[in-house]
Amino acid sequence: MHYLIIMSACVVSLERTFAHPSPAESLQDLASDKDKFGYIMYAGRIFSALNTDPRYKEMQEKLKNPESRSRALLDFLGAMSNTTRTKLDKIKAEEAQKYLKKCESPKDGTEPPKPDYIDTDHPGKFTIIDLSQVFTKFASMRSLMEKFLGGQKMN
């Protein structure tokens, strides 16, 4: 579900950007900000993998409540299927490798900024830190994503 919303937001953003010569400022910001776009693609893949796990569907109500989110994430991470865990490990490893590869050959001798949505210190293992970062960043970008959907509220 989240994957479809995120991908729809990207398509809507691109359509609006190219269809109108003066798109909303937030649309320009997202199109020009590679970190946000990278996060959107990463989060889409993560939510797609999560949605394949029946336990995730059971946990969604608990995840909506900020006070109980940490506990719900921890419970879910312990209860998720091995298939889902393997998918998440693979997605994270691929994303971490992108960052680590940029670090090998930095532009102008400066290391690229660390992504704020992934724990690059442990690139091969999707942990509670990663899951929490994905949800936290997603929540912080919710209003921006709703703008892309033309004011449509996201669940």
C-alpha atoms as a PDB file:
ATOM      1  CA  MET A   1       0.000   0.000   0.000  1.00  0.00           C
ATOM      2  CA  HIS A   2       2.671   2.528   1.035  1.00  0.00           C
ATOM      3  CA  TYR A   3       4.791   1.503  -1.959  1.00  0.00           C
ATOM      4  CA  LEU A   4       1.950   2.359  -4.334  1.00  0.00           C
ATOM      5  CA  ILE A   5       1.349   5.696  -2.636  1.00  0.00           C
ATOM      6  CA  ILE A   6       5.021   6.607  -2.739  1.00  0.00           C
ATOM      7  CA  MET A   7       5.423   5.577  -6.377  1.00  0.00           C
ATOM      8  CA  SER A   8       2.202   7.415  -7.270  1.00  0.00           C
ATOM      9  CA  ALA A   9       3.585  10.503  -5.595  1.00  0.00           C
ATOM     10  CA  CYS A  10       6.724  10.288  -7.720  1.00  0.00           C
ATOM     11  CA  VAL A  11       4.701   9.935 -10.917  1.00  0.00           C
ATOM     12  CA  VAL A  12       2.355  12.774  -9.953  1.00  0.00           C
ATOM     13  CA  SER A  13       5.354  14.922  -9.063  1.00  0.00           C
ATOM     14  CA  LEU A  14       7.007  14.292 -12.397  1.00  0.00           C
ATOM     15  CA  GLU A  15       3.769  14.848 -14.321  1.00  0.00           C
ATOM     16  CA  ARG A  16       3.154  18.140 -12.546  1.00  0.00           C
ATOM     17  CA  THR A  17       6.737  19.232 -13.004  1.00  0.00           C
ATOM     18  CA  PHE A  18       6.691  18.670 -16.750  1.00  0.00           C
ATOM     19  CA  ALA A  19       3.053  19.587 -17.378  1.00  0.00           C
ATOM     20  CA  HIS A  20       3.245  23.017 -15.708  1.00  0.00           C
ATOM     21  CA  PRO A  21       6.061  25.496 -16.251  1.00  0.00           C
ATOM     22  CA  SER A  22       5.771  26.808 -12.670  1.00  0.00           C
ATOM     23  CA  PRO A  23       5.042  23.849 -10.329  1.00  0.00           C
ATOM     24  CA  ALA A  24       4.601  24.327  -6.593  1.00  0.00           C
ATOM     25  CA  GLU A  25       7.806  25.104  -4.742  1.00  0.00           C
ATOM     26  CA  SER A  26       7.658  21.839  -2.775  1.00  0.00           C
ATOM     27  CA  LEU A  27       7.554  19.847  -6.008  1.00  0.00           C
ATOM     28  CA  GLN A  28      10.690  21.576  -7.256  1.00  0.00           C
ATOM     29  CA  ASP A  29      12.381  20.930  -3.931  1.00  0.00           C
ATOM     30  CA  LEU A  30      11.682  17.210  -4.096  1.00  0.00           C
ATOM     31  CA  ALA A  31      12.693  16.875  -7.738  1.00  0.00           C
ATOM     32  CA  SER A  32      15.995  18.624  -7.056  1.00  0.00           C
ATOM     33  CA  ASP A  33      16.776  16.897  -3.773  1.00  0.00           C
ATOM     34  CA  LYS A  34      18.408  13.568  -4.544  1.00  0.00           C
ATOM     35  CA  ASP A  35      18.381  12.530  -0.888  1.00  0.00           C
ATOM     36  CA  LYS A  36      14.601  12.803  -0.647  1.00  0.00           C
ATOM     37  CA  PHE A  37      14.157  10.996  -3.935  1.00  0.00           C
ATOM     38  CA  GLY A  38      16.572   8.291  -2.746  1.00  0.00           C
ATOM     39  CA  TYR A  39      14.577   7.953   0.447  1.00  0.00           C
ATOM     40  CA  ILE A  40      11.278   7.729  -1.445  1.00  0.00           C
ATOM     41  CA  MET A  41      12.593   4.900  -3.602  1.00  0.00           C
ATOM     42  CA  TYR A  42      14.128   3.097  -0.608  1.00  0.00           C
ATOM     43  CA  ALA A  43      10.992   3.497   1.511  1.00  0.00           C
ATOM     44  CA  GLY A  44       8.846   2.260  -1.355  1.00  0.00           C
ATOM     45  CA  ARG A  45      10.890  -0.916  -1.550  1.00  0.00           C
ATOM     46  CA  ILE A  46      10.811  -1.344   2.243  1.00  0.00           C
ATOM     47  CA  PHE A  47       7.038  -0.846   2.498  1.00  0.00           C
ATOM     48  CA  SER A  48       6.511  -3.179  -0.442  1.00  0.00           C
ATOM     49  CA  ALA A  49       8.479  -5.893   1.370  1.00  0.00           C
ATOM     50  CA  LEU A  50       6.641  -5.194   4.643  1.00  0.00           C
ATOM     51  CA  ASN A  51       3.254  -5.461   2.957  1.00  0.00           C
ATOM     52  CA  THR A  52       4.035  -9.033   1.911  1.00  0.00           C
ATOM     53  CA  ASP A  53       4.205 -10.065   5.575  1.00  0.00           C
ATOM     54  CA  PRO A  54       0.768 -10.815   7.081  1.00  0.00           C
ATOM     55  CA  ARG A  55       2.048  -9.777  10.527  1.00  0.00           C
ATOM     56  CA  TYR A  56       2.675  -6.255   9.242  1.00  0.00           C
ATOM     57  CA  LYS A  57      -0.972  -5.839   8.351  1.00  0.00           C
ATOM     58  CA  GLU A  58      -1.851  -6.834  11.925  1.00  0.00           C
ATOM     59  CA  MET A  59       0.596  -4.252  13.356  1.00  0.00           C
ATOM     60  CA  GLN A  60      -0.443  -1.254  11.258  1.00  0.00           C
ATOM     61  CA  GLU A  61      -2.929   0.119  13.809  1.00  0.00           C
ATOM     62  CA  LYS A  62      -0.315  -0.004  16.569  1.00  0.00           C
ATOM     63  CA  LEU A  63       2.233   1.688  14.295  1.00  0.00           C
ATOM     64  CA  LYS A  64      -0.048   4.696  13.789  1.00  0.00           C
ATOM     65  CA  ASN A  65       0.210   5.633  17.465  1.00  0.00           C
ATOM     66  CA  PRO A  66       3.528   7.487  18.088  1.00  0.00           C
ATOM     67  CA  GLU A  67       3.579   6.497  21.781  1.00  0.00           C
ATOM     68  CA  SER A  68       3.416   2.776  21.080  1.00  0.00           C
ATOM     69  CA  ARG A  69       5.326   2.768  17.779  1.00  0.00           C
ATOM     70  CA  SER A  70       8.731   1.795  19.214  1.00  0.00           C
ATOM     71  CA  ARG A  71       7.297  -1.218  21.012  1.00  0.00           C
ATOM     72  CA  ALA A  72       5.198  -2.211  17.985  1.00  0.00           C
ATOM     73  CA  LEU A  73       8.246  -1.988  15.705  1.00  0.00           C
ATOM     74  CA  LEU A  74      10.276  -4.136  18.060  1.00  0.00           C
ATOM     75  CA  ASP A  75       7.461  -6.700  18.340  1.00  0.00           C
ATOM     76  CA  PHE A  76       7.020  -6.783  14.586  1.00  0.00           C
ATOM     77  CA  LEU A  77      10.730  -7.116  13.860  1.00  0.00           C
ATOM     78  CA  GLY A  78      10.853 -10.147  16.154  1.00  0.00           C
ATOM     79  CA  ALA A  79       7.737 -11.713  14.638  1.00  0.00           C
ATOM     80  CA  MET A  80       8.256 -11.062  10.925  1.00  0.00           C
ATOM     81  CA  SER A  81       8.812 -13.940   8.563  1.00  0.00           C
ATOM     82  CA  ASN A  82      12.297 -14.979   7.472  1.00  0.00           C
ATOM     83  CA  THR A  83      11.331 -14.178   3.885  1.00  0.00           C
ATOM     84  CA  THR A  84      10.481 -10.588   4.797  1.00  0.00           C
ATOM     85  CA  ARG A  85      13.608 -10.241   6.926  1.00  0.00           C
ATOM     86  CA  THR A  86      15.757 -11.490   4.027  1.00  0.00           C
ATOM     87  CA  LYS A  87      14.117  -9.008   1.629  1.00  0.00           C
ATOM     88  CA  LEU A  88      14.720  -6.139   4.065  1.00  0.00           C
ATOM     89  CA  ASP A  89      18.356  -7.163   4.592  1.00  0.00           C
ATOM     90  CA  LYS A  90      18.892  -7.222   0.823  1.00  0.00           C
ATOM     91  CA  ILE A  91      17.216  -3.839   0.240  1.00  0.00           C
ATOM     92  CA  LYS A  92      19.239  -2.236   3.025  1.00  0.00           C
ATOM     93  CA  ALA A  93      22.507  -3.783   1.820  1.00  0.00           C
ATOM     94  CA  GLU A  94      21.915  -2.416  -1.683  1.00  0.00           C
ATOM     95  CA  GLU A  95      21.116   1.062  -0.354  1.00  0.00           C
ATOM     96  CA  ALA A  96      24.094   1.059   2.019  1.00  0.00           C
ATOM     97  CA  GLN A  97      26.367  -0.044  -0.833  1.00  0.00           C
ATOM     98  CA  LYS A  98      25.288   2.998  -2.866  1.00  0.00           C
ATOM     99  CA  TYR A  99      26.419   5.263  -0.036  1.00  0.00           C
ATOM    100  CA  LEU A 100      29.632   3.327   0.629  1.00  0.00           C
ATOM    101  CA  LYS A 101      30.499   3.408  -3.067  1.00  0.00           C
ATOM    102  CA  LYS A 102      30.114   7.202  -3.067  1.00  0.00           C
ATOM    103  CA  CYS A 103      32.503   7.316  -0.107  1.00  0.00           C
ATOM    104  CA  GLU A 104      35.169   5.394  -2.054  1.00  0.00           C
ATOM    105  CA  SER A 105      35.475   8.140  -4.639  1.00  0.00           C
ATOM    106  CA  PRO A 106      34.244  11.359  -3.015  1.00  0.00           C
ATOM    107  CA  LYS A 107      33.787  14.452  -5.129  1.00  0.00           C
ATOM    108  CA  ASP A 108      36.138  17.295  -4.235  1.00  0.00           C
ATOM    109  CA  GLY A 109      37.693  15.137  -1.512  1.00  0.00           C
ATOM    110  CA  THR A 110      34.678  15.457   0.787  1.00  0.00           C
ATOM    111  CA  GLU A 111      32.697  12.518   2.028  1.00  0.00           C
ATOM    112  CA  PRO A 112      29.035  12.564   0.975  1.00  0.00           C
ATOM    113  CA  PRO A 113      26.499  13.195   3.746  1.00  0.00           C
ATOM    114  CA  LYS A 114      25.209  10.076   5.476  1.00  0.00           C
ATOM    115  CA  PRO A 115      21.612   9.279   4.614  1.00  0.00           C
ATOM    116  CA  ASP A 116      19.360   9.935   7.605  1.00  0.00           C
ATOM    117  CA  TYR A 117      17.104   6.996   6.830  1.00  0.00           C
ATOM    118  CA  ILE A 118      19.560   4.107   6.991  1.00  0.00           C
ATOM    119  CA  ASP A 119      22.148   2.868   9.494  1.00  0.00           C
ATOM    120  CA  THR A 120      25.244   2.614   7.301  1.00  0.00           C
ATOM    121  CA  ASP A 121      27.379   1.315  10.179  1.00  0.00           C
ATOM    122  CA  HIS A 122      25.719  -2.108   9.806  1.00  0.00           C
ATOM    123  CA  PRO A 123      25.123  -2.351   6.051  1.00  0.00           C
ATOM    124  CA  GLY A 124      24.094  -6.003   5.782  1.00  0.00           C
ATOM    125  CA  LYS A 125      21.500  -6.276   8.533  1.00  0.00           C
ATOM    126  CA  PHE A 126      18.115  -4.551   8.673  1.00  0.00           C
ATOM    127  CA  THR A 127      17.611  -3.649  12.338  1.00  0.00           C
ATOM    128  CA  ILE A 128      15.120  -1.888  14.579  1.00  0.00           C
ATOM    129  CA  ILE A 129      17.129   1.302  14.009  1.00  0.00           C
ATOM    130  CA  ASP A 130      16.497   1.075  10.264  1.00  0.00           C
ATOM    131  CA  LEU A 131      12.822   0.288  10.698  1.00  0.00           C
ATOM    132  CA  SER A 132      12.402   3.186  13.105  1.00  0.00           C
ATOM    133  CA  GLN A 133      14.260   5.578  10.778  1.00  0.00           C
ATOM    134  CA  VAL A 134      12.061   4.632   7.827  1.00  0.00           C
ATOM    135  CA  PHE A 135       8.863   5.261   9.809  1.00  0.00           C
ATOM    136  CA  THR A 136      10.150   8.477  11.384  1.00  0.00           C
ATOM    137  CA  LYS A 137      11.256   9.955   8.061  1.00  0.00           C
ATOM    138  CA  PHE A 138       8.047   8.820   6.385  1.00  0.00           C
ATOM    139  CA  ALA A 139       6.006  10.557   9.095  1.00  0.00           C
ATOM    140  CA  SER A 140       8.032  13.747   8.691  1.00  0.00           C
ATOM    141  CA  MET A 141       7.446  13.740   4.930  1.00  0.00           C
ATOM    142  CA  ARG A 142       3.748  12.831   5.116  1.00  0.00           C
ATOM    143  CA  SER A 143       2.437  16.352   4.476  1.00  0.00           C
ATOM    144  CA  LEU A 144       4.795  16.773   1.522  1.00  0.00           C
ATOM    145  CA  MET A 145       3.668  13.446   0.072  1.00  0.00           C
ATOM    146  CA  GLU A 146       0.009  14.443   0.507  1.00  0.00           C
ATOM    147  CA  LYS A 147       0.695  17.600  -1.516  1.00  0.00           C
ATOM    148  CA  PHE A 148       1.919  15.397  -4.356  1.00  0.00           C
ATOM    149  CA  LEU A 149      -1.301  13.475  -4.243  1.00  0.00           C
ATOM    150  CA  GLY A 150      -3.315  16.663  -4.678  1.00  0.00           C
ATOM    151  CA  GLY A 151      -4.368  16.945  -1.056  1.00  0.00           C
ATOM    152  CA  GLN A 152      -5.396  13.297  -0.765  1.00  0.00           C
ATOM    153  CA  LYS A 153      -4.777  12.087   2.800  1.00  0.00           C
ATOM    154  CA  MET A 154      -2.471   9.110   3.277  1.00  0.00           C
ATOM    155  CA  ASN A 155      -3.443   6.331   5.707  1.00  0.00           C
END
